């Protein structure tokens, strides 16, 4: 088994696990719609998540491309102003294979969201969200690397099911529209920076475990 096949098996197992957890969340939705376990009206929130990612960029060409499917981890902290409105700061890191097995791609994101949440008296809390974000795309090849950074907008929807007043388990989908405008290339101790104009699109689909303070 070569390295590429091993990576594909690992990604496949991660995706299968993620799909199983999402199916479990959806299976529990009807019971949470009937329940009335409510979180405190205001306070801080901490979340940890795993997601499958879909990424596309103008860098892709017939000779080189970043594979669309990948995996990501997320850490988020938020504040609930009331049962309806919440803000959240999220950090996400994802990895993607490329058409060249010697080059790895990594995407990091910092997002600031505003949330509008529904069904404040139920354990099942659907929501819409939207906000701004900063992005970095890194390509590593031995001692050489290339990094592009920029900004963009992000929006999405999902739900959280409260297992208790403090703990929740949720499902989230987020789409990011990215504009990379800075590029830095490093080869050993040498590096240079330049302006660039590259667009990308990143979609994440994942589960989030949360704790409300």
C-alpha atoms as a PDB file:
ATOM      1  CA  UNK A   1       0.000   0.000   0.000  1.00  0.00           C
ATOM      2  CA  UNK A   2       1.478   3.375  -1.019  1.00  0.00           C
ATOM      3  CA  UNK A   3       1.198   6.638   0.921  1.00  0.00           C
ATOM      4  CA  UNK A   4      -1.617   7.989  -1.253  1.00  0.00           C
ATOM      5  CA  UNK A   5      -3.780   4.896  -0.707  1.00  0.00           C
ATOM      6  CA  UNK A   6      -3.145   5.020   3.058  1.00  0.00           C
ATOM      7  CA  UNK A   7      -4.232   8.675   3.195  1.00  0.00           C
ATOM      8  CA  UNK A   8      -7.386   7.879   1.236  1.00  0.00           C
ATOM      9  CA  UNK A   9      -8.298   5.114   3.705  1.00  0.00           C
ATOM     10  CA  UNK A  10      -7.800   7.446   6.685  1.00  0.00           C
ATOM     11  CA  UNK A  11      -9.950  10.155   5.057  1.00  0.00           C
ATOM     12  CA  UNK A  12     -12.606   7.559   4.215  1.00  0.00           C
ATOM     13  CA  UNK A  13     -12.761   6.352   7.825  1.00  0.00           C
ATOM     14  CA  UNK A  14     -13.049   9.928   9.101  1.00  0.00           C
ATOM     15  CA  UNK A  15     -15.870  10.686   6.688  1.00  0.00           C
ATOM     16  CA  UNK A  16     -17.717   7.478   7.630  1.00  0.00           C
ATOM     17  CA  UNK A  17     -17.430   8.309  11.343  1.00  0.00           C
ATOM     18  CA  UNK A  18     -18.661  11.862  10.727  1.00  0.00           C
ATOM     19  CA  UNK A  19     -21.647  10.635   8.692  1.00  0.00           C
ATOM     20  CA  UNK A  20     -22.575   8.165  11.430  1.00  0.00           C
ATOM     21  CA  UNK A  21     -22.483  10.880  14.107  1.00  0.00           C
ATOM     22  CA  UNK A  22     -24.576  13.228  11.949  1.00  0.00           C
ATOM     23  CA  UNK A  23     -27.151  10.477  11.381  1.00  0.00           C
ATOM     24  CA  UNK A  24     -27.303   9.906  15.147  1.00  0.00           C
ATOM     25  CA  UNK A  25     -27.946  13.633  15.722  1.00  0.00           C
ATOM     26  CA  UNK A  26     -30.745  13.667  13.144  1.00  0.00           C
ATOM     27  CA  UNK A  27     -32.269  10.528  14.717  1.00  0.00           C
ATOM     28  CA  UNK A  28     -32.531  12.342  18.052  1.00  0.00           C
ATOM     29  CA  UNK A  29     -34.183  15.483  16.655  1.00  0.00           C
ATOM     30  CA  UNK A  30     -37.851  14.381  17.151  1.00  0.00           C
ATOM     31  CA  UNK A  31     -37.342  13.696  20.855  1.00  0.00           C
ATOM     32  CA  UNK A  32     -35.584  17.039  21.376  1.00  0.00           C
ATOM     33  CA  UNK A  33     -38.444  18.878  19.663  1.00  0.00           C
ATOM     34  CA  UNK A  34     -40.748  17.606  22.416  1.00  0.00           C
ATOM     35  CA  UNK A  35     -38.333  18.335  25.280  1.00  0.00           C
ATOM     36  CA  UNK A  36     -38.009  21.639  27.100  1.00  0.00           C
ATOM     37  CA  UNK A  37     -34.468  21.668  28.509  1.00  0.00           C
ATOM     38  CA  UNK A  38     -33.388  25.297  28.143  1.00  0.00           C
ATOM     39  CA  UNK A  39     -29.997  26.931  28.522  1.00  0.00           C
ATOM     40  CA  UNK A  40     -29.548  30.157  30.500  1.00  0.00           C
ATOM     41  CA  UNK A  41     -30.746  33.234  28.614  1.00  0.00           C
ATOM     42  CA  UNK A  42     -27.291  34.846  28.528  1.00  0.00           C
ATOM     43  CA  UNK A  43     -23.695  33.823  29.091  1.00  0.00           C
ATOM     44  CA  UNK A  44     -20.623  32.380  27.404  1.00  0.00           C
ATOM     45  CA  UNK A  45     -20.490  29.308  25.199  1.00  0.00           C
ATOM     46  CA  UNK A  46     -17.596  26.958  24.311  1.00  0.00           C
ATOM     47  CA  UNK A  47     -17.680  24.529  21.396  1.00  0.00           C
ATOM     48  CA  UNK A  48     -15.495  21.782  19.918  1.00  0.00           C
ATOM     49  CA  UNK A  49     -16.227  20.316  16.511  1.00  0.00           C
ATOM     50  CA  UNK A  50     -15.191  17.957  13.729  1.00  0.00           C
ATOM     51  CA  UNK A  51     -16.161  18.528  10.105  1.00  0.00           C
ATOM     52  CA  UNK A  52     -15.847  17.295   6.580  1.00  0.00           C
ATOM     53  CA  UNK A  53     -14.743  20.022   4.154  1.00  0.00           C
ATOM     54  CA  UNK A  54     -15.150  20.796   0.480  1.00  0.00           C
ATOM     55  CA  UNK A  55     -12.627  23.250  -0.981  1.00  0.00           C
ATOM     56  CA  UNK A  56     -12.211  24.784  -4.433  1.00  0.00           C
ATOM     57  CA  UNK A  57      -9.806  27.462  -5.628  1.00  0.00           C
ATOM     58  CA  UNK A  58      -8.633  29.255  -8.765  1.00  0.00           C
ATOM     59  CA  UNK A  59      -5.210  27.653  -8.191  1.00  0.00           C
ATOM     60  CA  UNK A  60      -6.515  24.342  -9.532  1.00  0.00           C
ATOM     61  CA  UNK A  61      -5.285  23.516 -13.043  1.00  0.00           C
ATOM     62  CA  UNK A  62      -4.804  20.461 -15.280  1.00  0.00           C
ATOM     63  CA  UNK A  63      -1.277  20.032 -13.872  1.00  0.00           C
ATOM     64  CA  UNK A  64      -1.930  20.684 -10.164  1.00  0.00           C
ATOM     65  CA  UNK A  65      -4.974  20.765  -7.930  1.00  0.00           C
ATOM     66  CA  UNK A  66      -5.962  20.671  -4.277  1.00  0.00           C
ATOM     67  CA  UNK A  67      -8.304  17.770  -3.592  1.00  0.00           C
ATOM     68  CA  UNK A  68     -11.854  18.883  -2.862  1.00  0.00           C
ATOM     69  CA  UNK A  69     -12.580  16.691   0.172  1.00  0.00           C
ATOM     70  CA  UNK A  70     -10.791  17.093   3.505  1.00  0.00           C
ATOM     71  CA  UNK A  71     -11.232  17.069   7.265  1.00  0.00           C
ATOM     72  CA  UNK A  72     -11.262  19.850   9.848  1.00  0.00           C
ATOM     73  CA  UNK A  73     -11.287  20.556  13.579  1.00  0.00           C
ATOM     74  CA  UNK A  74     -12.976  23.579  15.154  1.00  0.00           C
ATOM     75  CA  UNK A  75     -12.734  25.511  18.430  1.00  0.00           C
ATOM     76  CA  UNK A  76     -15.284  28.233  19.114  1.00  0.00           C
ATOM     77  CA  UNK A  77     -16.251  30.607  21.901  1.00  0.00           C
ATOM     78  CA  UNK A  78     -19.405  32.705  21.925  1.00  0.00           C
ATOM     79  CA  UNK A  79     -21.606  34.930  24.024  1.00  0.00           C
ATOM     80  CA  UNK A  80     -25.400  34.750  24.257  1.00  0.00           C
ATOM     81  CA  UNK A  81     -26.996  38.195  24.693  1.00  0.00           C
ATOM     82  CA  UNK A  82     -30.474  36.673  24.977  1.00  0.00           C
ATOM     83  CA  UNK A  83     -32.276  33.486  23.815  1.00  0.00           C
ATOM     84  CA  UNK A  84     -32.269  34.743  20.202  1.00  0.00           C
ATOM     85  CA  UNK A  85     -29.011  36.628  19.485  1.00  0.00           C
ATOM     86  CA  UNK A  86     -25.465  35.305  19.946  1.00  0.00           C
ATOM     87  CA  UNK A  87     -21.983  36.139  18.639  1.00  0.00           C
ATOM     88  CA  UNK A  88     -19.219  33.591  18.105  1.00  0.00           C
ATOM     89  CA  UNK A  89     -15.493  33.556  17.349  1.00  0.00           C
ATOM     90  CA  UNK A  90     -14.380  30.319  15.697  1.00  0.00           C
ATOM     91  CA  UNK A  91     -10.973  28.949  14.678  1.00  0.00           C
ATOM     92  CA  UNK A  92     -10.894  26.132  12.113  1.00  0.00           C
ATOM     93  CA  UNK A  93      -8.013  24.141  10.667  1.00  0.00           C
ATOM     94  CA  UNK A  94      -8.389  21.675   7.791  1.00  0.00           C
ATOM     95  CA  UNK A  95      -6.084  19.461   5.724  1.00  0.00           C
ATOM     96  CA  UNK A  96      -6.394  18.537   2.060  1.00  0.00           C
ATOM     97  CA  UNK A  97      -4.394  16.279  -0.221  1.00  0.00           C
ATOM     98  CA  UNK A  98      -3.128  17.537  -3.578  1.00  0.00           C
ATOM     99  CA  UNK A  99      -2.557  15.919  -6.958  1.00  0.00           C
ATOM    100  CA  UNK A 100       1.161  15.867  -6.024  1.00  0.00           C
ATOM    101  CA  UNK A 101       1.623  13.423  -3.119  1.00  0.00           C
ATOM    102  CA  UNK A 102       4.747  15.321  -1.972  1.00  0.00           C
ATOM    103  CA  UNK A 103       2.752  18.536  -1.387  1.00  0.00           C
ATOM    104  CA  UNK A 104       0.306  18.964   1.500  1.00  0.00           C
ATOM    105  CA  UNK A 105      -2.313  21.718   1.739  1.00  0.00           C
ATOM    106  CA  UNK A 106      -3.592  23.256   4.968  1.00  0.00           C
ATOM    107  CA  UNK A 107      -6.366  25.819   5.415  1.00  0.00           C
ATOM    108  CA  UNK A 108      -6.803  27.891   8.589  1.00  0.00           C
ATOM    109  CA  UNK A 109      -9.715  30.207   9.305  1.00  0.00           C
ATOM    110  CA  UNK A 110     -10.742  32.731  11.953  1.00  0.00           C
ATOM    111  CA  UNK A 111     -14.459  33.560  11.772  1.00  0.00           C
ATOM    112  CA  UNK A 112     -16.669  36.087  13.579  1.00  0.00           C
ATOM    113  CA  UNK A 113     -20.374  35.220  13.397  1.00  0.00           C
ATOM    114  CA  UNK A 114     -23.672  36.706  14.450  1.00  0.00           C
ATOM    115  CA  UNK A 115     -26.404  34.132  15.192  1.00  0.00           C
ATOM    116  CA  UNK A 116     -30.188  34.312  15.013  1.00  0.00           C
ATOM    117  CA  UNK A 117     -31.690  31.372  16.911  1.00  0.00           C
ATOM    118  CA  UNK A 118     -35.198  29.909  16.989  1.00  0.00           C
ATOM    119  CA  UNK A 119     -37.375  27.881  19.417  1.00  0.00           C
ATOM    120  CA  UNK A 120     -35.992  29.437  22.596  1.00  0.00           C
ATOM    121  CA  UNK A 121     -38.252  27.258  24.777  1.00  0.00           C
ATOM    122  CA  UNK A 122     -37.184  23.950  23.254  1.00  0.00           C
ATOM    123  CA  UNK A 123     -34.154  21.691  23.512  1.00  0.00           C
ATOM    124  CA  UNK A 124     -33.900  21.739  19.710  1.00  0.00           C
ATOM    125  CA  UNK A 125     -32.460  25.126  18.658  1.00  0.00           C
ATOM    126  CA  UNK A 126     -32.107  25.772  14.893  1.00  0.00           C
ATOM    127  CA  UNK A 127     -30.210  28.886  13.769  1.00  0.00           C
ATOM    128  CA  UNK A 128     -28.908  30.993  10.921  1.00  0.00           C
ATOM    129  CA  UNK A 129     -25.524  32.716  11.076  1.00  0.00           C
ATOM    130  CA  UNK A 130     -23.406  35.110   9.047  1.00  0.00           C
ATOM    131  CA  UNK A 131     -20.179  37.027   9.437  1.00  0.00           C
ATOM    132  CA  UNK A 132     -16.666  37.936   8.325  1.00  0.00           C
ATOM    133  CA  UNK A 133     -13.514  35.824   8.343  1.00  0.00           C
ATOM    134  CA  UNK A 134      -9.774  35.747   7.705  1.00  0.00           C
ATOM    135  CA  UNK A 135      -8.177  32.844   5.820  1.00  0.00           C
ATOM    136  CA  UNK A 136      -4.753  31.338   5.162  1.00  0.00           C
ATOM    137  CA  UNK A 137      -3.882  28.628   2.618  1.00  0.00           C
ATOM    138  CA  UNK A 138      -0.520  26.916   3.043  1.00  0.00           C
ATOM    139  CA  UNK A 139       1.264  24.531   0.670  1.00  0.00           C
ATOM    140  CA  UNK A 140       4.254  22.617   2.076  1.00  0.00           C
ATOM    141  CA  UNK A 141       6.908  20.866   0.000  1.00  0.00           C
ATOM    142  CA  UNK A 142       9.897  19.765   2.061  1.00  0.00           C
ATOM    143  CA  UNK A 143      11.781  22.891   3.194  1.00  0.00           C
ATOM    144  CA  UNK A 144       9.751  25.093   0.827  1.00  0.00           C
ATOM    145  CA  UNK A 145       6.311  26.532   1.484  1.00  0.00           C
ATOM    146  CA  UNK A 146       3.833  28.962  -0.042  1.00  0.00           C
ATOM    147  CA  UNK A 147       1.205  30.792   1.987  1.00  0.00           C
ATOM    148  CA  UNK A 148      -1.700  32.912   0.781  1.00  0.00           C
ATOM    149  CA  UNK A 149      -3.886  34.988   3.089  1.00  0.00           C
ATOM    150  CA  UNK A 150      -6.987  37.113   2.706  1.00  0.00           C
ATOM    151  CA  UNK A 151     -10.516  37.800   3.890  1.00  0.00           C
ATOM    152  CA  UNK A 152     -14.045  36.886   2.996  1.00  0.00           C
ATOM    153  CA  UNK A 153     -17.585  36.285   4.157  1.00  0.00           C
ATOM    154  CA  UNK A 154     -19.109  33.210   5.765  1.00  0.00           C
ATOM    155  CA  UNK A 155     -22.705  32.158   6.329  1.00  0.00           C
ATOM    156  CA  UNK A 156     -24.526  29.017   7.330  1.00  0.00           C
ATOM    157  CA  UNK A 157     -27.201  27.263   9.343  1.00  0.00           C
ATOM    158  CA  UNK A 158     -27.599  24.388  11.750  1.00  0.00           C
ATOM    159  CA  UNK A 159     -29.101  23.280  15.026  1.00  0.00           C
ATOM    160  CA  UNK A 160     -28.120  22.357  18.557  1.00  0.00           C
ATOM    161  CA  UNK A 161     -29.845  19.764  20.718  1.00  0.00           C
ATOM    162  CA  UNK A 162     -29.482  20.356  24.459  1.00  0.00           C
ATOM    163  CA  UNK A 163     -28.812  17.177  26.411  1.00  0.00           C
ATOM    164  CA  UNK A 164     -28.982  19.220  29.613  1.00  0.00           C
ATOM    165  CA  UNK A 165     -29.014  22.886  30.607  1.00  0.00           C
ATOM    166  CA  UNK A 166     -25.262  23.083  29.929  1.00  0.00           C
ATOM    167  CA  UNK A 167     -24.373  20.445  27.326  1.00  0.00           C
ATOM    168  CA  UNK A 168     -25.425  20.387  23.680  1.00  0.00           C
ATOM    169  CA  UNK A 169     -24.690  18.443  20.516  1.00  0.00           C
ATOM    170  CA  UNK A 170     -25.244  20.080  17.150  1.00  0.00           C
ATOM    171  CA  UNK A 171     -25.001  19.911  13.380  1.00  0.00           C
ATOM    172  CA  UNK A 172     -23.618  22.809  11.312  1.00  0.00           C
ATOM    173  CA  UNK A 173     -23.053  23.683   7.656  1.00  0.00           C
ATOM    174  CA  UNK A 174     -21.035  26.799   6.727  1.00  0.00           C
ATOM    175  CA  UNK A 175     -20.056  28.210   3.339  1.00  0.00           C
ATOM    176  CA  UNK A 176     -17.071  30.545   2.950  1.00  0.00           C
ATOM    177  CA  UNK A 177     -16.380  32.861   0.004  1.00  0.00           C
ATOM    178  CA  UNK A 178     -12.651  33.712   0.085  1.00  0.00           C
ATOM    179  CA  UNK A 179     -10.481  36.343  -1.584  1.00  0.00           C
ATOM    180  CA  UNK A 180      -6.724  35.756  -1.154  1.00  0.00           C
ATOM    181  CA  UNK A 181      -4.734  38.973  -1.722  1.00  0.00           C
ATOM    182  CA  UNK A 182      -1.321  38.296  -0.117  1.00  0.00           C
ATOM    183  CA  UNK A 183       1.245  35.630  -0.938  1.00  0.00           C
ATOM    184  CA  UNK A 184       4.451  34.595   0.815  1.00  0.00           C
ATOM    185  CA  UNK A 185       6.894  32.011  -0.567  1.00  0.00           C
ATOM    186  CA  UNK A 186       9.665  30.579   1.622  1.00  0.00           C
ATOM    187  CA  UNK A 187      12.584  28.371   0.564  1.00  0.00           C
ATOM    188  CA  UNK A 188      14.849  27.608   3.478  1.00  0.00           C
ATOM    189  CA  UNK A 189      15.954  30.968   4.924  1.00  0.00           C
ATOM    190  CA  UNK A 190      14.891  32.894   1.831  1.00  0.00           C
ATOM    191  CA  UNK A 191      11.379  34.340   1.466  1.00  0.00           C
ATOM    192  CA  UNK A 192       9.508  36.971  -0.475  1.00  0.00           C
ATOM    193  CA  UNK A 193       6.029  38.489  -0.361  1.00  0.00           C
ATOM    194  CA  UNK A 194       3.776  39.738  -3.133  1.00  0.00           C
ATOM    195  CA  UNK A 195       0.193  40.706  -3.857  1.00  0.00           C
ATOM    196  CA  UNK A 196      -2.054  38.105  -5.452  1.00  0.00           C
ATOM    197  CA  UNK A 197      -5.641  37.752  -6.622  1.00  0.00           C
ATOM    198  CA  UNK A 198      -6.984  34.240  -6.017  1.00  0.00           C
ATOM    199  CA  UNK A 199     -10.503  33.204  -5.069  1.00  0.00           C
ATOM    200  CA  UNK A 200     -11.597  30.177  -3.098  1.00  0.00           C
ATOM    201  CA  UNK A 201     -14.696  28.525  -1.728  1.00  0.00           C
ATOM    202  CA  UNK A 202     -14.809  26.400   1.415  1.00  0.00           C
ATOM    203  CA  UNK A 203     -17.818  24.493   2.759  1.00  0.00           C
ATOM    204  CA  UNK A 204     -17.765  22.695   6.107  1.00  0.00           C
ATOM    205  CA  UNK A 205     -20.290  20.123   7.303  1.00  0.00           C
ATOM    206  CA  UNK A 206     -19.825  18.932  10.850  1.00  0.00           C
ATOM    207  CA  UNK A 207     -20.893  18.226  14.389  1.00  0.00           C
ATOM    208  CA  UNK A 208     -20.225  20.429  17.420  1.00  0.00           C
ATOM    209  CA  UNK A 209     -20.256  19.573  21.119  1.00  0.00           C
ATOM    210  CA  UNK A 210     -20.981  22.627  23.249  1.00  0.00           C
ATOM    211  CA  UNK A 211     -20.954  23.778  26.856  1.00  0.00           C
ATOM    212  CA  UNK A 212     -22.989  26.812  27.960  1.00  0.00           C
ATOM    213  CA  UNK A 213     -21.710  28.689  31.019  1.00  0.00           C
END
